[in-house]
Amino acid sequence: MFIIKNSEQLELMRHAGRITAEALLVAKEAIRPGVSTKEVDIKIRHFIEKCGATPSFLGYGGFPASACISVNDEVIHGIPSERRILVEGDIVKVDVGARYRGYNGDSARTFPVGKVSDEALRLIRVTKDSFYEAMKVLKSGCRLGDIGHAVESFVISNGFSVVRDYVGHGVGKDLHEEPNIPNYGTAGRGPRLYADMTVAIEPMVNQGTHEVKVKNDGWTVLTRDGKLSAHYENTVAITDGEPILLTEID
């Protein structure tokens, strides 16, 4: 069942989204060579709690941290660790959720650590731009396939691939609500989306193959060929016109 939000619920989603967005800015400030991913996670948790919210990911399905922090060939769901020290040239995906008065924001960014390769920067840029290609078609009455087609066609035209095993989703009272929103698809196909639905659109883009595998920790998703991956996500409110990005302030 697709959930339509009322005005009060949308306002709570705005608050949750703002805290989530600001938590990512905290992460961006903390990321530099010599810092552990655990240190970044601690800063994120402290900020979210200081805002009167709780980290959506902490304990979700047993996840042991407040943010998913994934480095280089790690696609998503990386577990922060004191032993994972960031170095110059890394790219770091930070996926954050904040729950405020029962409603969730969900957002992710990919950050370069110091000076990175031109190809890594291009991957980060294409991933972000593919999200905005989806925004061009995301409005009341669009179909699920329209979103996935917009993302995938743009990514492929730039020589990269989209992850197929993990997808975007609805978000609200639950961190993951219906519908699942793939980053691939056929335009004009699939169920329609309507105004006042809130969804997380999140392209996950790989430098090489779209195929992935899960690390022995049971959480961390890796590219199967060991090449780089980037991630860009916002929680978005659908309207009859332009979508409203609830987790975008940068």
Protein backbone atom coordinates (compact mmCIF):
# COMPACT_ATOMS: atom_id res chain seq x y z
CA MET A 1 0.00 0.00 0.00
CA PHE A 2 1.37 3.41 -1.00
CA ILE A 3 1.10 5.96 1.82
CA ILE A 4 -0.11 9.50 1.15
CA LYS A 5 1.03 12.03 3.79
CA ASN A 6 -1.15 14.81 5.17
CA SER A 7 0.14 18.34 5.81
CA GLU A 8 1.12 17.64 9.43
CA GLN A 9 3.02 14.52 8.45
CA LEU A 10 4.78 16.35 5.62
CA GLU A 11 5.88 19.04 8.08
CA LEU A 12 7.39 16.40 10.37
CA MET A 13 9.12 14.92 7.32
CA ARG A 14 10.60 18.36 6.61
CA HIS A 15 12.06 18.50 10.12
CA ALA A 16 13.46 14.98 9.88
CA GLY A 17 14.86 15.75 6.45
CA ARG A 18 16.56 18.94 7.61
CA ILE A 19 18.29 17.16 10.48
CA THR A 20 19.38 14.40 8.10
CA ALA A 21 20.80 16.92 5.63
CA GLU A 22 22.68 18.79 8.34
CA ALA A 23 24.09 15.51 9.67
CA LEU A 24 25.61 14.92 6.23
CA LEU A 25 27.24 18.33 6.41
CA VAL A 26 28.74 17.28 9.75
CA ALA A 27 30.09 14.17 8.02
CA LYS A 28 31.50 16.21 5.14
CA GLU A 29 33.36 18.43 7.59
CA ALA A 30 34.76 15.42 9.49
CA ILE A 31 36.01 13.48 6.48
CA ARG A 32 39.74 13.92 5.86
CA PRO A 33 42.87 11.75 5.65
CA GLY A 34 43.74 10.07 8.94
CA VAL A 35 40.20 9.97 10.33
CA SER A 36 38.49 6.65 11.03
CA THR A 37 35.02 5.92 9.76
CA LYS A 38 34.02 5.29 13.39
CA GLU A 39 34.97 8.87 14.30
CA VAL A 40 32.71 10.16 11.53
CA ASP A 41 29.86 7.96 12.76
CA ILE A 42 30.22 9.24 16.34
CA LYS A 43 30.02 12.86 15.17
CA ILE A 44 26.88 12.07 13.14
CA ARG A 45 25.19 10.38 16.09
CA HIS A 46 25.99 13.22 18.49
CA PHE A 47 24.62 15.79 16.05
CA ILE A 48 21.36 13.92 15.37
CA GLU A 49 20.72 13.41 19.09
CA LYS A 50 21.57 17.04 19.85
CA CYS A 51 18.76 17.98 17.43
CA GLY A 52 16.22 16.00 19.45
CA ALA A 53 16.08 13.17 16.92
CA THR A 54 17.37 9.60 16.85
CA PRO A 55 19.55 7.89 14.22
CA SER A 56 17.18 5.87 12.05
CA PHE A 57 19.80 3.28 11.17
CA LEU A 58 21.03 2.47 14.68
CA GLY A 59 19.74 -1.01 15.47
CA TYR A 60 17.65 -1.15 12.27
CA GLY A 61 17.63 -4.83 11.36
CA GLY A 62 20.52 -5.17 13.78
CA PHE A 63 22.77 -2.56 12.13
CA PRO A 64 25.36 -1.54 14.75
CA ALA A 65 25.99 2.13 13.89
CA SER A 66 24.26 5.45 13.24
CA ALA A 67 25.38 5.80 9.63
CA CYS A 68 26.40 3.52 6.80
CA ILE A 69 29.92 4.55 5.77
CA SER A 70 31.24 2.79 2.68
CA VAL A 71 34.66 3.38 1.12
CA ASN A 72 35.79 2.97 -2.51
CA ASP A 73 34.49 -0.40 -3.80
CA GLU A 74 32.04 -0.65 -0.89
CA VAL A 75 28.66 0.27 -2.38
CA ILE A 76 26.39 0.64 0.68
CA HIS A 77 25.86 -0.58 4.25
CA GLY A 78 29.49 -0.20 5.30
CA ILE A 79 29.94 -0.59 9.08
CA PRO A 80 31.99 2.24 10.65
CA SER A 81 35.20 0.99 12.25
CA GLU A 82 38.09 2.36 14.28
CA ARG A 83 40.35 0.30 12.04
CA ARG A 84 39.16 1.85 8.76
CA ILE A 85 41.32 4.94 8.41
CA LEU A 86 40.59 7.23 5.49
CA VAL A 87 43.46 8.09 3.17
CA GLU A 88 44.01 10.62 0.41
CA GLY A 89 42.25 9.50 -2.77
CA ASP A 90 39.45 7.53 -1.12
CA ILE A 91 35.81 8.20 -1.95
CA VAL A 92 33.40 7.78 0.96
CA LYS A 93 29.68 7.13 0.82
CA VAL A 94 27.80 8.32 3.90
CA ASP A 95 24.15 7.23 4.22
CA VAL A 96 22.24 8.81 7.12
CA GLY A 97 18.73 8.66 8.53
CA ALA A 98 17.19 10.77 11.31
CA ARG A 99 13.88 10.02 13.02
CA TYR A 100 12.02 13.06 14.37
CA ARG A 101 8.72 12.63 16.23
CA GLY A 102 8.12 9.31 14.50
CA TYR A 103 9.09 10.30 10.93
CA ASN A 104 12.29 9.60 9.03
CA GLY A 105 14.59 11.40 6.67
CA ASP A 106 17.03 9.37 4.56
CA SER A 107 19.89 10.75 2.50
CA ALA A 108 23.33 9.84 1.17
CA ARG A 109 26.31 11.58 -0.39
CA THR A 110 29.69 10.52 -1.78
CA PHE A 111 32.62 12.60 -0.54
CA PRO A 112 36.19 12.71 -1.89
CA VAL A 113 39.01 12.44 0.65
CA GLY A 114 41.56 15.06 -0.31
CA LYS A 115 42.66 14.89 -3.94
CA VAL A 116 41.06 12.00 -5.84
CA SER A 117 41.37 10.80 -9.43
CA ASP A 118 39.55 12.53 -12.25
CA GLU A 119 37.62 9.31 -12.95
CA ALA A 120 36.47 9.11 -9.31
CA LEU A 121 35.27 12.71 -9.49
CA ARG A 122 33.42 11.96 -12.73
CA LEU A 123 31.74 8.95 -11.11
CA ILE A 124 30.60 11.09 -8.18
CA ARG A 125 29.30 13.79 -10.53
CA VAL A 126 27.44 11.39 -12.83
CA THR A 127 25.80 9.70 -9.83
CA LYS A 128 24.55 13.04 -8.52
CA ASP A 129 23.42 14.15 -11.96
CA SER A 130 21.51 10.88 -12.47
CA PHE A 131 19.47 11.70 -9.37
CA TYR A 132 18.51 15.03 -10.93
CA GLU A 133 17.57 13.29 -14.17
CA ALA A 134 15.04 11.36 -12.07
CA MET A 135 13.75 14.65 -10.64
CA LYS A 136 12.82 15.76 -14.16
CA VAL A 137 10.18 13.01 -14.39
CA LEU A 138 9.16 12.70 -10.72
CA LYS A 139 5.72 14.26 -10.36
CA SER A 140 2.22 13.14 -9.52
CA GLY A 141 1.04 10.55 -12.05
CA CYS A 142 4.47 9.40 -13.19
CA ARG A 143 5.21 5.69 -13.31
CA LEU A 144 7.93 3.80 -11.45
CA GLY A 145 9.56 2.85 -14.73
CA ASP A 146 9.95 6.51 -15.68
CA ILE A 147 12.27 7.07 -12.71
CA GLY A 148 14.45 4.04 -13.26
CA HIS A 149 14.69 4.70 -17.00
CA ALA A 150 15.80 8.30 -16.38
CA VAL A 151 18.55 7.19 -14.01
CA GLU A 152 19.84 4.19 -15.93
CA SER A 153 19.84 5.74 -19.41
CA PHE A 154 21.88 8.69 -18.14
CA VAL A 155 24.33 6.47 -16.25
CA ILE A 156 24.87 4.10 -19.17
CA SER A 157 25.39 7.02 -21.57
CA ASN A 158 28.29 8.04 -19.34
CA GLY A 159 29.89 4.60 -19.38
CA PHE A 160 28.90 3.44 -15.88
CA SER A 161 26.36 0.93 -14.53
CA VAL A 162 23.56 1.05 -11.95
CA VAL A 163 23.27 -1.41 -9.08
CA ARG A 164 20.21 -3.64 -9.52
CA ASP A 165 20.21 -5.61 -6.28
CA TYR A 166 19.42 -2.57 -4.10
CA VAL A 167 16.83 0.13 -4.78
CA GLY A 168 15.17 3.29 -3.53
CA HIS A 169 11.95 3.16 -1.54
CA GLY A 170 9.11 4.98 0.13
CA VAL A 171 9.95 6.63 3.45
CA GLY A 172 7.85 8.06 6.28
CA LYS A 173 6.89 6.55 9.62
CA ASP A 174 8.88 3.54 8.53
CA LEU A 175 12.37 3.98 7.15
CA HIS A 176 11.47 1.67 4.26
CA GLU A 177 7.90 1.86 2.94
CA GLU A 178 6.34 0.83 -0.35
CA PRO A 179 7.08 1.20 -3.15
CA ASN A 180 10.53 -0.10 -3.98
CA ILE A 181 12.02 2.23 -6.61
CA PRO A 182 14.65 0.62 -8.88
CA ASN A 183 17.29 2.71 -10.63
CA TYR A 184 16.49 0.90 -13.87
CA GLY A 185 13.27 0.31 -15.77
CA THR A 186 11.14 0.99 -18.81
CA ALA A 187 9.50 4.39 -19.25
CA GLY A 188 5.70 4.27 -19.09
CA ARG A 189 5.64 1.00 -17.15
CA GLY A 190 4.82 0.21 -13.51
CA PRO A 191 2.43 1.69 -10.93
CA ARG A 192 1.81 5.42 -10.73
CA LEU A 193 3.08 7.68 -7.95
CA TYR A 194 0.99 10.53 -6.58
CA ALA A 195 1.28 13.88 -4.84
CA ASP A 196 2.11 13.84 -1.11
CA MET A 197 3.93 10.54 -1.30
CA THR A 198 7.45 10.74 0.15
CA VAL A 199 10.17 8.61 -1.41
CA ALA A 200 13.92 8.08 -1.23
CA ILE A 201 15.47 8.18 -4.69
CA GLU A 202 19.02 6.82 -4.51
CA PRO A 203 21.15 6.01 -7.52
CA MET A 204 24.01 3.62 -6.70
CA VAL A 205 26.42 3.76 -9.62
CA ASN A 206 29.40 1.50 -10.30
CA GLN A 207 32.50 2.23 -12.31
CA GLY A 208 32.47 -1.29 -13.78
CA THR A 209 29.93 -4.10 -13.58
CA HIS A 210 26.58 -3.60 -11.87
CA GLU A 211 27.09 -6.88 -10.02
CA VAL A 212 27.71 -6.80 -6.28
CA LYS A 213 28.44 -9.17 -3.40
CA VAL A 214 28.05 -9.00 0.38
CA LYS A 215 31.07 -9.05 2.67
CA ASN A 216 31.45 -11.67 5.41
CA ASP A 217 30.15 -9.14 7.99
CA GLY A 218 26.70 -9.70 6.50
CA TRP A 219 26.17 -5.99 5.79
CA THR A 220 28.78 -4.35 3.57
CA VAL A 221 27.94 -4.54 -0.14
CA LEU A 222 30.95 -4.56 -2.51
CA THR A 223 31.31 -4.21 -6.27
CA ARG A 224 32.01 -7.68 -7.62
CA ASP A 225 34.94 -6.46 -9.75
CA GLY A 226 36.54 -4.31 -7.03
CA LYS A 227 36.00 -1.05 -8.92
CA LEU A 228 34.63 2.16 -7.40
CA SER A 229 31.00 2.88 -6.55
CA ALA A 230 29.17 6.12 -5.72
CA HIS A 231 25.82 6.84 -4.04
CA TYR A 232 23.53 9.88 -4.00
CA GLU A 233 20.16 9.98 -2.22
CA ASN A 234 17.48 12.40 -1.09
CA THR A 235 14.10 12.02 0.55
CA VAL A 236 11.63 13.73 -1.79
CA ALA A 237 8.00 14.81 -1.53
CA ILE A 238 6.07 14.34 -4.76
CA THR A 239 3.82 17.19 -5.90
CA ASP A 240 1.75 18.05 -8.98
CA GLY A 241 4.74 20.07 -10.17
CA GLU A 242 8.38 20.18 -9.08
CA PRO A 243 9.31 17.64 -6.39
CA ILE A 244 10.38 18.99 -2.99
CA LEU A 245 13.77 17.79 -1.80
CA LEU A 246 13.41 17.32 1.95
CA THR A 247 17.06 16.46 2.62
CA GLU A 248 18.86 18.95 0.37
CA ILE A 249 20.44 22.09 1.85
CA ASP A 250 23.93 22.14 0.32
